Amino acid sequence: MTRDALRTVVLEELVKLAPEIDPLEVSPRTRLREDLDLDSFDFVRLITALDERLGVDVPEADYRKLETLEGCLDYLLARLPAAGAEPHPASP
């Protein structure tokens, strides 16, 4: 999966949780919780959704590594199962 494809997946999941987010305004340095005003419950829901969609388990000890969009992409890309794996389709 390319970084751009992964970015699309992350942004899709963010918008599902918080429809008021404009994905075009989310930069690599955007802090997911602080800048997008996600509470801790929404952040955990995002991690869970990404795990379900990508098959990447994120232990709680690693949550800080996903503070920004860039950190999230770096972390997930490094841990995606099987090179070239495609994400599960978004559920309705």
PDB file of N, CA and C in Angstrom:
ATOM      1  N   MET A   1       0.851  -1.172   0.000  1.00  0.00           N
ATOM      2  CA  MET A   1       0.000   0.000   0.000  1.00  0.00           C
ATOM      3  C   MET A   1       0.896   1.233   0.000  1.00  0.00           C
ATOM      4  N   THR A   2       0.525   2.191  -0.808  1.00  0.00           N
ATOM      5  CA  THR A   2       1.299   3.424  -0.863  1.00  0.00           C
ATOM      6  C   THR A   2       0.940   4.329   0.316  1.00  0.00           C
ATOM      7  N   ARG A   3       1.801   5.278   0.564  1.00  0.00           N
ATOM      8  CA  ARG A   3       1.543   6.251   1.630  1.00  0.00           C
ATOM      9  C   ARG A   3       0.281   7.056   1.325  1.00  0.00           C
ATOM     10  N   ASP A   4       0.081   7.420   0.061  1.00  0.00           N
ATOM     11  CA  ASP A   4      -1.115   8.180  -0.315  1.00  0.00           C
ATOM     12  C   ASP A   4      -2.390   7.363  -0.100  1.00  0.00           C
ATOM     13  N   ALA A   5      -2.342   6.078  -0.447  1.00  0.00           N
ATOM     14  CA  ALA A   5      -3.508   5.220  -0.233  1.00  0.00           C
ATOM     15  C   ALA A   5      -3.796   5.077   1.257  1.00  0.00           C
ATOM     16  N   LEU A   6      -2.751   4.946   2.048  1.00  0.00           N
ATOM     17  CA  LEU A   6      -2.932   4.836   3.494  1.00  0.00           C
ATOM     18  C   LEU A   6      -3.481   6.145   4.060  1.00  0.00           C
ATOM     19  N   ARG A   7      -2.996   7.266   3.564  1.00  0.00           N
ATOM     20  CA  ARG A   7      -3.505   8.572   4.013  1.00  0.00           C
ATOM     21  C   ARG A   7      -5.010   8.665   3.751  1.00  0.00           C
ATOM     22  N   THR A   8      -5.425   8.197   2.582  1.00  0.00           N
ATOM     23  CA  THR A   8      -6.846   8.205   2.234  1.00  0.00           C
ATOM     24  C   THR A   8      -7.646   7.365   3.220  1.00  0.00           C
ATOM     25  N   VAL A   9      -7.144   6.196   3.566  1.00  0.00           N
ATOM     26  CA  VAL A   9      -7.828   5.315   4.521  1.00  0.00           C
ATOM     27  C   VAL A   9      -7.953   5.997   5.881  1.00  0.00           C
ATOM     28  N   VAL A  10      -6.862   6.576   6.365  1.00  0.00           N
ATOM     29  CA  VAL A  10      -6.882   7.236   7.679  1.00  0.00           C
ATOM     30  C   VAL A  10      -7.874   8.393   7.672  1.00  0.00           C
ATOM     31  N   LEU A  11      -7.842   9.186   6.624  1.00  0.00           N
ATOM     32  CA  LEU A  11      -8.759  10.330   6.545  1.00  0.00           C
ATOM     33  C   LEU A  11     -10.214   9.877   6.439  1.00  0.00           C
ATOM     34  N   GLU A  12     -10.467   8.807   5.710  1.00  0.00           N
ATOM     35  CA  GLU A  12     -11.837   8.275   5.633  1.00  0.00           C
ATOM     36  C   GLU A  12     -12.335   7.878   7.017  1.00  0.00           C
ATOM     37  N   GLU A  13     -11.485   7.214   7.779  1.00  0.00           N
ATOM     38  CA  GLU A  13     -11.892   6.788   9.122  1.00  0.00           C
ATOM     39  C   GLU A  13     -12.065   7.991  10.049  1.00  0.00           C
ATOM     40  N   LEU A  14     -11.230   8.998   9.897  1.00  0.00           N
ATOM     41  CA  LEU A  14     -11.382  10.213  10.703  1.00  0.00           C
ATOM     42  C   LEU A  14     -12.717  10.899  10.424  1.00  0.00           C
ATOM     43  N   VAL A  15     -13.060  11.006   9.153  1.00  0.00           N
ATOM     44  CA  VAL A  15     -14.303  11.681   8.777  1.00  0.00           C
ATOM     45  C   VAL A  15     -15.522  10.880   9.243  1.00  0.00           C
ATOM     46  N   LYS A  16     -15.416   9.566   9.287  1.00  0.00           N
ATOM     47  CA  LYS A  16     -16.519   8.760   9.832  1.00  0.00           C
ATOM     48  C   LYS A  16     -16.764   9.106  11.297  1.00  0.00           C
ATOM     49  N   LEU A  17     -15.689   9.315  12.029  1.00  0.00           N
ATOM     50  CA  LEU A  17     -15.806   9.637  13.454  1.00  0.00           C
ATOM     51  C   LEU A  17     -16.221  11.079  13.691  1.00  0.00           C
ATOM     52  N   ALA A  18     -15.725  11.958  12.866  1.00  0.00           N
ATOM     53  CA  ALA A  18     -15.985  13.390  13.046  1.00  0.00           C
ATOM     54  C   ALA A  18     -16.264  14.007  11.675  1.00  0.00           C
ATOM     55  N   PRO A  19     -17.520  13.941  11.238  1.00  0.00           N
ATOM     56  CA  PRO A  19     -17.863  14.415   9.890  1.00  0.00           C
ATOM     57  C   PRO A  19     -17.548  15.886   9.631  1.00  0.00           C
ATOM     58  N   GLU A  20     -17.339  16.649  10.686  1.00  0.00           N
ATOM     59  CA  GLU A  20     -17.035  18.071  10.507  1.00  0.00           C
ATOM     60  C   GLU A  20     -15.593  18.311  10.054  1.00  0.00           C
ATOM     61  N   ILE A  21     -14.764  17.279  10.095  1.00  0.00           N
ATOM     62  CA  ILE A  21     -13.370  17.416   9.672  1.00  0.00           C
ATOM     63  C   ILE A  21     -13.307  17.543   8.156  1.00  0.00           C
ATOM     64  N   ASP A  22     -12.561  18.544   7.691  1.00  0.00           N
ATOM     65  CA  ASP A  22     -12.323  18.706   6.263  1.00  0.00           C
ATOM     66  C   ASP A  22     -10.989  18.028   5.954  1.00  0.00           C
ATOM     67  N   PRO A  23     -11.020  16.887   5.268  1.00  0.00           N
ATOM     68  CA  PRO A  23      -9.770  16.152   5.022  1.00  0.00           C
ATOM     69  C   PRO A  23      -8.738  16.959   4.249  1.00  0.00           C
ATOM     70  N   LEU A  24      -9.173  17.949   3.488  1.00  0.00           N
ATOM     71  CA  LEU A  24      -8.235  18.778   2.733  1.00  0.00           C
ATOM     72  C   LEU A  24      -7.433  19.696   3.636  1.00  0.00           C
ATOM     73  N   GLU A  25      -7.904  19.910   4.850  1.00  0.00           N
ATOM     74  CA  GLU A  25      -7.207  20.785   5.788  1.00  0.00           C
ATOM     75  C   GLU A  25      -6.320  20.026   6.770  1.00  0.00           C
ATOM     76  N   VAL A  26      -6.278  18.709   6.644  1.00  0.00           N
ATOM     77  CA  VAL A  26      -5.454  17.893   7.540  1.00  0.00           C
ATOM     78  C   VAL A  26      -4.073  17.752   6.917  1.00  0.00           C
ATOM     79  N   SER A  27      -3.076  18.341   7.575  1.00  0.00           N
ATOM     80  CA  SER A  27      -1.699  18.290   7.083  1.00  0.00           C
ATOM     81  C   SER A  27      -0.947  17.162   7.792  1.00  0.00           C
ATOM     82  N   PRO A  28       0.239  16.821   7.312  1.00  0.00           N
ATOM     83  CA  PRO A  28       1.020  15.769   7.965  1.00  0.00           C
ATOM     84  C   PRO A  28       1.300  16.057   9.446  1.00  0.00           C
ATOM     85  N   ARG A  29       1.413  17.317   9.805  1.00  0.00           N
ATOM     86  CA  ARG A  29       1.729  17.669  11.198  1.00  0.00           C
ATOM     87  C   ARG A  29       0.496  17.923  12.053  1.00  0.00           C
ATOM     88  N   THR A  30      -0.674  17.741  11.486  1.00  0.00           N
ATOM     89  CA  THR A  30      -1.905  17.905  12.257  1.00  0.00           C
ATOM     90  C   THR A  30      -1.923  16.910  13.406  1.00  0.00           C
ATOM     91  N   ARG A  31      -2.125  17.414  14.606  1.00  0.00           N
ATOM     92  CA  ARG A  31      -2.235  16.548  15.781  1.00  0.00           C
ATOM     93  C   ARG A  31      -3.679  16.051  15.841  1.00  0.00           C
ATOM     94  N   LEU A  32      -3.831  14.745  15.765  1.00  0.00           N
ATOM     95  CA  LEU A  32      -5.165  14.171  15.625  1.00  0.00           C
ATOM     96  C   LEU A  32      -6.088  14.521  16.782  1.00  0.00           C
ATOM     97  N   ARG A  33      -5.606  14.416  17.991  1.00  0.00           N
ATOM     98  CA  ARG A  33      -6.479  14.694  19.133  1.00  0.00           C
ATOM     99  C   ARG A  33      -6.628  16.187  19.374  1.00  0.00           C
ATOM    100  N   GLU A  34      -5.539  16.904  19.431  1.00  0.00           N
ATOM    101  CA  GLU A  34      -5.600  18.314  19.789  1.00  0.00           C
ATOM    102  C   GLU A  34      -6.167  19.184  18.673  1.00  0.00           C
ATOM    103  N   ASP A  35      -5.602  19.076  17.479  1.00  0.00           N
ATOM    104  CA  ASP A  35      -6.005  19.960  16.379  1.00  0.00           C
ATOM    105  C   ASP A  35      -7.378  19.608  15.806  1.00  0.00           C
ATOM    106  N   LEU A  36      -7.719  18.315  15.848  1.00  0.00           N
ATOM    107  CA  LEU A  36      -9.013  17.894  15.305  1.00  0.00           C
ATOM    108  C   LEU A  36     -10.064  17.727  16.395  1.00  0.00           C
ATOM    109  N   ASP A  37      -9.672  18.016  17.618  1.00  0.00           N
ATOM    110  CA  ASP A  37     -10.585  17.984  18.760  1.00  0.00           C
ATOM    111  C   ASP A  37     -11.236  16.608  18.969  1.00  0.00           C
ATOM    112  N   LEU A  38     -10.423  15.551  18.811  1.00  0.00           N
ATOM    113  CA  LEU A  38     -10.914  14.203  19.107  1.00  0.00           C
ATOM    114  C   LEU A  38     -10.701  13.931  20.585  1.00  0.00           C
ATOM    115  N   ASP A  39     -11.727  13.440  21.255  1.00  0.00           N
ATOM    116  CA  ASP A  39     -11.520  13.061  22.649  1.00  0.00           C
ATOM    117  C   ASP A  39     -10.863  11.683  22.687  1.00  0.00           C
ATOM    118  N   SER A  40     -10.499  11.233  23.858  1.00  0.00           N
ATOM    119  CA  SER A  40      -9.767   9.960  23.970  1.00  0.00           C
ATOM    120  C   SER A  40     -10.594   8.782  23.465  1.00  0.00           C
ATOM    121  N   PHE A  41     -11.905   8.826  23.668  1.00  0.00           N
ATOM    122  CA  PHE A  41     -12.772   7.748  23.184  1.00  0.00           C
ATOM    123  C   PHE A  41     -12.757   7.711  21.650  1.00  0.00           C
ATOM    124  N   ASP A  42     -12.870   8.870  21.005  1.00  0.00           N
ATOM    125  CA  ASP A  42     -12.833   8.914  19.542  1.00  0.00           C
ATOM    126  C   ASP A  42     -11.478   8.462  19.010  1.00  0.00           C
ATOM    127  N   PHE A  43     -10.403   8.817  19.711  1.00  0.00           N
ATOM    128  CA  PHE A  43      -9.079   8.395  19.282  1.00  0.00           C
ATOM    129  C   PHE A  43      -8.959   6.867  19.329  1.00  0.00           C
ATOM    130  N   VAL A  44      -9.461   6.257  20.387  1.00  0.00           N
ATOM    131  CA  VAL A  44      -9.428   4.792  20.497  1.00  0.00           C
ATOM    132  C   VAL A  44     -10.308   4.167  19.417  1.00  0.00           C
ATOM    133  N   ARG A  45     -11.437   4.788  19.133  1.00  0.00           N
ATOM    134  CA  ARG A  45     -12.309   4.286  18.061  1.00  0.00           C
ATOM    135  C   ARG A  45     -11.597   4.361  16.712  1.00  0.00           C
ATOM    136  N   LEU A  46     -10.812   5.416  16.500  1.00  0.00           N
ATOM    137  CA  LEU A  46     -10.035   5.535  15.263  1.00  0.00           C
ATOM    138  C   LEU A  46      -9.015   4.405  15.172  1.00  0.00           C
ATOM    139  N   ILE A  47      -8.296   4.163  16.248  1.00  0.00           N
ATOM    140  CA  ILE A  47      -7.290   3.092  16.268  1.00  0.00           C
ATOM    141  C   ILE A  47      -7.954   1.741  15.988  1.00  0.00           C
ATOM    142  N   THR A  48      -9.099   1.511  16.599  1.00  0.00           N
ATOM    143  CA  THR A  48      -9.835   0.255  16.395  1.00  0.00           C
ATOM    144  C   THR A  48     -10.288   0.117  14.938  1.00  0.00           C
ATOM    145  N   ALA A  49     -10.804   1.197  14.379  1.00  0.00           N
ATOM    146  CA  ALA A  49     -11.256   1.164  12.986  1.00  0.00           C
ATOM    147  C   ALA A  49     -10.091   0.884  12.037  1.00  0.00           C
ATOM    148  N   LEU A  50      -8.943   1.486  12.309  1.00  0.00           N
ATOM    149  CA  LEU A  50      -7.769   1.246  11.470  1.00  0.00           C
ATOM    150  C   LEU A  50      -7.276  -0.191  11.615  1.00  0.00           C
ATOM    151  N   ASP A  51      -7.338  -0.731  12.820  1.00  0.00           N
ATOM    152  CA  ASP A  51      -6.964  -2.130  13.040  1.00  0.00           C
ATOM    153  C   ASP A  51      -7.875  -3.043  12.227  1.00  0.00           C
ATOM    154  N   GLU A  52      -9.181  -2.802  12.299  1.00  0.00           N
ATOM    155  CA  GLU A  52     -10.135  -3.638  11.567  1.00  0.00           C
ATOM    156  C   GLU A  52      -9.942  -3.527  10.062  1.00  0.00           C
ATOM    157  N   ARG A  53      -9.675  -2.348   9.611  1.00  0.00           N
ATOM    158  CA  ARG A  53      -9.561  -2.124   8.166  1.00  0.00           C
ATOM    159  C   ARG A  53      -8.210  -2.541   7.597  1.00  0.00           C
ATOM    160  N   LEU A  54      -7.142  -2.356   8.385  1.00  0.00           N
ATOM    161  CA  LEU A  54      -5.796  -2.615   7.873  1.00  0.00           C
ATOM    162  C   LEU A  54      -5.142  -3.863   8.457  1.00  0.00           C
ATOM    163  N   GLY A  55      -5.672  -4.358   9.564  1.00  0.00           N
ATOM    164  CA  GLY A  55      -5.065  -5.514  10.205  1.00  0.00           C
ATOM    165  C   GLY A  55      -3.817  -5.170  10.995  1.00  0.00           C
ATOM    166  N   VAL A  56      -3.730  -3.928  11.477  1.00  0.00           N
ATOM    167  CA  VAL A  56      -2.574  -3.489  12.263  1.00  0.00           C
ATOM    168  C   VAL A  56      -3.014  -3.286  13.702  1.00  0.00           C
ATOM    169  N   ASP A  57      -2.502  -4.116  14.583  1.00  0.00           N
ATOM    170  CA  ASP A  57      -2.805  -3.988  16.003  1.00  0.00           C
ATOM    171  C   ASP A  57      -1.883  -2.927  16.598  1.00  0.00           C
ATOM    172  N   VAL A  58      -2.474  -1.969  17.292  1.00  0.00           N
ATOM    173  CA  VAL A  58      -1.692  -0.896  17.906  1.00  0.00           C
ATOM    174  C   VAL A  58      -1.835  -1.016  19.420  1.00  0.00           C
ATOM    175  N   PRO A  59      -0.786  -1.447  20.106  1.00  0.00           N
ATOM    176  CA  PRO A  59      -0.879  -1.529  21.563  1.00  0.00           C
ATOM    177  C   PRO A  59      -0.977  -0.133  22.175  1.00  0.00           C
ATOM    178  N   GLU A  60      -1.641  -0.048  23.302  1.00  0.00           N
ATOM    179  CA  GLU A  60      -1.843   1.248  23.953  1.00  0.00           C
ATOM    180  C   GLU A  60      -0.527   1.983  24.194  1.00  0.00           C
ATOM    181  N   ALA A  61       0.525   1.254  24.458  1.00  0.00           N
ATOM    182  CA  ALA A  61       1.834   1.872  24.698  1.00  0.00           C
ATOM    183  C   ALA A  61       2.344   2.651  23.477  1.00  0.00           C
ATOM    184  N   ASP A  62       1.811   2.347  22.294  1.00  0.00           N
ATOM    185  CA  ASP A  62       2.253   3.013  21.069  1.00  0.00           C
ATOM    186  C   ASP A  62       1.343   4.156  20.630  1.00  0.00           C
ATOM    187  N   TYR A  63       0.287   4.432  21.344  1.00  0.00           N
ATOM    188  CA  TYR A  63      -0.658   5.473  20.930  1.00  0.00           C
ATOM    189  C   TYR A  63       0.024   6.811  20.680  1.00  0.00           C
ATOM    190  N   ARG A  64       1.032   7.142  21.481  1.00  0.00           N
ATOM    191  CA  ARG A  64       1.721   8.437  21.309  1.00  0.00           C
ATOM    192  C   ARG A  64       2.383   8.546  19.942  1.00  0.00           C
ATOM    193  N   LYS A  65       2.729   7.418  19.353  1.00  0.00           N
ATOM    194  CA  LYS A  65       3.379   7.432  18.043  1.00  0.00           C
ATOM    195  C   LYS A  65       2.401   7.821  16.935  1.00  0.00           C
ATOM    196  N   LEU A  66       1.114   7.837  17.259  1.00  0.00           N
ATOM    197  CA  LEU A  66       0.080   8.164  16.284  1.00  0.00           C
ATOM    198  C   LEU A  66      -0.548   9.528  16.566  1.00  0.00           C
ATOM    199  N   GLU A  67       0.187  10.405  17.225  1.00  0.00           N
ATOM    200  CA  GLU A  67      -0.351  11.712  17.600  1.00  0.00           C
ATOM    201  C   GLU A  67      -0.622  12.608  16.404  1.00  0.00           C
ATOM    202  N   THR A  68       0.216  12.512  15.372  1.00  0.00           N
ATOM    203  CA  THR A  68       0.025  13.341  14.173  1.00  0.00           C
ATOM    204  C   THR A  68      -0.342  12.446  13.001  1.00  0.00           C
ATOM    205  N   LEU A  69      -0.859  13.049  11.950  1.00  0.00           N
ATOM    206  CA  LEU A  69      -1.168  12.269  10.752  1.00  0.00           C
ATOM    207  C   LEU A  69       0.107  11.615  10.220  1.00  0.00           C
ATOM    208  N   GLU A  70       1.201  12.372  10.179  1.00  0.00           N
ATOM    209  CA  GLU A  70       2.476  11.841   9.692  1.00  0.00           C
ATOM    210  C   GLU A  70       2.949  10.660  10.543  1.00  0.00           C
ATOM    211  N   GLY A  71       2.867  10.799  11.867  1.00  0.00           N
ATOM    212  CA  GLY A  71       3.261   9.714  12.760  1.00  0.00           C
ATOM    213  C   GLY A  71       2.382   8.496  12.573  1.00  0.00           C
ATOM    214  N   CYS A  72       1.112   8.739  12.375  1.00  0.00           N
ATOM    215  CA  CYS A  72       0.165   7.649  12.148  1.00  0.00           C
ATOM    216  C   CYS A  72       0.526   6.892  10.865  1.00  0.00           C
ATOM    217  N   LEU A  73       0.795   7.621   9.808  1.00  0.00           N
ATOM    218  CA  LEU A  73       1.154   6.982   8.535  1.00  0.00           C
ATOM    219  C   LEU A  73       2.461   6.215   8.654  1.00  0.00           C
ATOM    220  N   ASP A  74       3.474   6.810   9.294  1.00  0.00           N
ATOM    221  CA  ASP A  74       4.760   6.130   9.480  1.00  0.00           C
ATOM    222  C   ASP A  74       4.571   4.825  10.246  1.00  0.00           C
ATOM    223  N   TYR A  75       3.832   4.902  11.347  1.00  0.00           N
ATOM    224  CA  TYR A  75       3.626   3.741  12.211  1.00  0.00           C
ATOM    225  C   TYR A  75       2.891   2.637  11.451  1.00  0.00           C
ATOM    226  N   LEU A  76       1.799   2.987  10.803  1.00  0.00           N
ATOM    227  CA  LEU A  76       0.990   1.985  10.116  1.00  0.00           C
ATOM    228  C   LEU A  76       1.715   1.376   8.927  1.00  0.00           C
ATOM    229  N   LEU A  77       2.412   2.192   8.147  1.00  0.00           N
ATOM    230  CA  LEU A  77       3.155   1.662   6.995  1.00  0.00           C
ATOM    231  C   LEU A  77       4.201   0.638   7.422  1.00  0.00           C
ATOM    232  N   ALA A  78       4.848   0.907   8.536  1.00  0.00           N
ATOM    233  CA  ALA A  78       5.890  -0.001   9.019  1.00  0.00           C
ATOM    234  C   ALA A  78       5.322  -1.324   9.523  1.00  0.00           C
ATOM    235  N   ARG A  79       4.024  -1.346   9.818  1.00  0.00           N
ATOM    236  CA  ARG A  79       3.433  -2.533  10.430  1.00  0.00           C
ATOM    237  C   ARG A  79       2.340  -3.199   9.606  1.00  0.00           C
ATOM    238  N   LEU A  80       2.117  -2.717   8.409  1.00  0.00           N
ATOM    239  CA  LEU A  80       1.096  -3.338   7.568  1.00  0.00           C
ATOM    240  C   LEU A  80       1.457  -4.788   7.300  1.00  0.00           C
ATOM    241  N   PRO A  81       0.486  -5.674   7.421  1.00  0.00           N
ATOM    242  CA  PRO A  81       0.769  -7.079   7.122  1.00  0.00           C
ATOM    243  C   PRO A  81       1.008  -7.265   5.630  1.00  0.00           C
ATOM    244  N   ALA A  82       1.813  -8.202   5.285  1.00  0.00           N
ATOM    245  CA  ALA A  82       2.085  -8.586   3.902  1.00  0.00           C
ATOM    246  C   ALA A  82       2.187  -7.391   2.959  1.00  0.00           C
ATOM    247  N   ALA A  83       3.358  -7.176   2.458  1.00  0.00           N
ATOM    248  CA  ALA A  83       3.583  -6.072   1.525  1.00  0.00           C
ATOM    249  C   ALA A  83       2.551  -6.122   0.406  1.00  0.00           C
ATOM    250  N   GLY A  84       2.021  -4.963   0.101  1.00  0.00           N
ATOM    251  CA  GLY A  84       1.042  -4.881  -0.975  1.00  0.00           C
ATOM    252  C   GLY A  84      -0.370  -5.190  -0.534  1.00  0.00           C
ATOM    253  N   ALA A  85      -0.579  -5.455   0.738  1.00  0.00           N
ATOM    254  CA  ALA A  85      -1.929  -5.766   1.203  1.00  0.00           C
ATOM    255  C   ALA A  85      -2.840  -4.572   0.997  1.00  0.00           C
ATOM    256  N   GLU A  86      -4.021  -4.845   0.575  1.00  0.00           N
ATOM    257  CA  GLU A  86      -5.009  -3.784   0.368  1.00  0.00           C
ATOM    258  C   GLU A  86      -5.911  -3.703   1.581  1.00  0.00           C
ATOM    259  N   PRO A  87      -6.375  -2.497   1.905  1.00  0.00           N
ATOM    260  CA  PRO A  87      -7.275  -2.353   3.039  1.00  0.00           C
ATOM    261  C   PRO A  87      -8.615  -3.015   2.775  1.00  0.00           C
ATOM    262  N   HIS A  88      -9.280  -3.380   3.842  1.00  0.00           N
ATOM    263  CA  HIS A  88     -10.639  -3.890   3.714  1.00  0.00           C
ATOM    264  C   HIS A  88     -11.507  -2.742   3.262  1.00  0.00           C
ATOM    265  N   PRO A  89     -12.524  -3.014   2.458  1.00  0.00           N
ATOM    266  CA  PRO A  89     -13.403  -1.929   2.030  1.00  0.00           C
ATOM    267  C   PRO A  89     -14.068  -1.261   3.229  1.00  0.00           C
ATOM    268  N   ALA A  90     -14.303   0.023   3.090  1.00  0.00           N
ATOM    269  CA  ALA A  90     -14.997   0.751   4.144  1.00  0.00           C
ATOM    270  C   ALA A  90     -16.414   0.211   4.285  1.00  0.00           C
ATOM    271  N   SER A  91     -16.827  -0.003   5.504  1.00  0.00           N
ATOM    272  CA  SER A  91     -18.191  -0.478   5.691  1.00  0.00           C
ATOM    273  C   SER A  91     -19.138   0.709   5.688  1.00  0.00           C
ATOM    274  N   PRO A  92     -20.345   0.502   5.236  1.00  0.00           N
ATOM    275  CA  PRO A  92     -21.305   1.605   5.091  1.00  0.00           C
ATOM    276  C   PRO A  92     -21.655   2.271   6.382  1.00  0.00           C
TER     277      PRO A  92
END
